[in-house]
Amino acid sequence: MADPTTTETGAVSAPAAPAAPAAVPAPETGRAKPAKTIDAGKQANRRIGVRLVIYTVATHAFAGFILLLFELGNRNK
């Protein structure tokens, strides 16, 4: 298999053959499981979930801090 990062010069490729008509896929009876996310050979689904929880907690903490600043600023009126 050729390296996809290199380009060939001077090579002439033959025209592509006409594509066959696409067959209509059969309707699925059940829901298929999504493919597992692989990152560097490891499953990344758990890491994505942990990152989502961390970002959610951090965003709520930041929003709470901003609301606290508004409440403290409102008391000085």
Protein backbone atom coordinates (compact mmCIF):
# COMPACT_ATOMS: atom_id res chain seq x y z
CA MET A 1 0.00 0.00 0.00
CA ALA A 2 1.38 3.39 -0.95
CA ASP A 3 2.08 6.12 1.57
CA PRO A 4 -0.88 8.57 1.42
CA THR A 5 1.31 11.48 2.47
CA THR A 6 3.41 11.36 -0.68
CA THR A 7 2.35 12.35 -4.16
CA GLU A 8 3.25 10.57 -7.31
CA THR A 9 4.41 12.61 -10.26
CA GLY A 10 4.14 11.53 -13.85
CA ALA A 11 1.77 8.65 -13.12
CA VAL A 12 -1.36 8.53 -15.21
CA SER A 13 -4.31 6.74 -13.70
CA ALA A 14 -6.98 4.97 -15.69
CA PRO A 15 -10.49 6.44 -15.65
CA ALA A 16 -12.72 5.04 -12.95
CA ALA A 17 -15.29 2.44 -13.93
CA PRO A 18 -18.91 3.54 -13.67
CA ALA A 19 -20.38 2.83 -10.27
CA ALA A 20 -23.08 0.20 -9.94
CA PRO A 21 -26.45 1.47 -8.75
CA ALA A 22 -26.64 1.50 -4.97
CA ALA A 23 -28.85 -1.13 -3.42
CA VAL A 24 -31.51 0.04 -1.00
CA PRO A 25 -30.46 -1.03 2.50
CA ALA A 26 -32.85 -3.15 4.50
CA PRO A 27 -34.56 -1.31 7.37
CA GLU A 28 -32.95 -1.90 10.72
CA THR A 29 -35.07 -3.63 13.29
CA GLY A 30 -33.03 -2.60 16.31
CA ARG A 31 -30.69 0.16 17.28
CA ALA A 32 -27.06 -0.54 16.54
CA LYS A 33 -24.48 0.22 19.20
CA PRO A 34 -22.20 3.12 18.32
CA ALA A 35 -18.62 2.28 17.55
CA LYS A 36 -16.22 2.68 20.43
CA THR A 37 -13.94 5.68 20.20
CA ILE A 38 -10.32 4.60 19.93
CA ASP A 39 -7.51 7.05 20.67
CA ALA A 40 -3.93 5.83 20.31
CA GLY A 41 -5.15 2.26 20.66
CA LYS A 42 -7.11 2.92 23.86
CA GLN A 43 -10.81 3.40 24.42
CA ALA A 44 -11.55 7.09 24.85
CA ASN A 45 -15.22 6.84 25.86
CA ARG A 46 -14.45 6.84 29.60
CA ARG A 47 -12.01 9.75 29.29
CA ILE A 48 -14.60 11.76 27.38
CA GLY A 49 -17.18 11.12 30.12
CA VAL A 50 -14.77 12.14 32.87
CA ARG A 51 -13.83 15.30 30.96
CA LEU A 52 -17.53 16.12 30.50
CA VAL A 53 -18.16 15.86 34.26
CA ILE A 54 -15.11 18.00 35.06
CA TYR A 55 -16.14 20.71 32.57
CA THR A 56 -19.72 20.71 33.87
CA VAL A 57 -18.62 21.07 37.49
CA ALA A 58 -16.08 23.79 36.61
CA THR A 59 -18.66 25.74 34.59
CA HIS A 60 -21.20 25.62 37.43
CA ALA A 61 -18.55 26.67 39.95
CA PHE A 62 -17.57 29.63 37.78
CA ALA A 63 -21.22 30.64 37.29
CA GLY A 64 -21.77 30.38 41.07
CA PHE A 65 -18.77 32.63 41.68
CA ILE A 66 -20.12 35.22 39.25
CA LEU A 67 -23.54 35.12 40.95
CA LEU A 68 -21.82 35.54 44.33
CA LEU A 69 -20.06 38.66 43.02
CA PHE A 70 -23.39 40.09 41.86
CA GLU A 71 -24.99 39.39 45.24
CA LEU A 72 -22.12 40.98 47.15
CA GLY A 73 -22.17 43.99 44.84
CA ASN A 74 -25.92 44.38 45.27
CA ARG A 75 -25.62 44.53 49.10
CA ASN A 76 -23.50 47.69 48.96
CA LYS A 77 -26.25 49.82 47.39
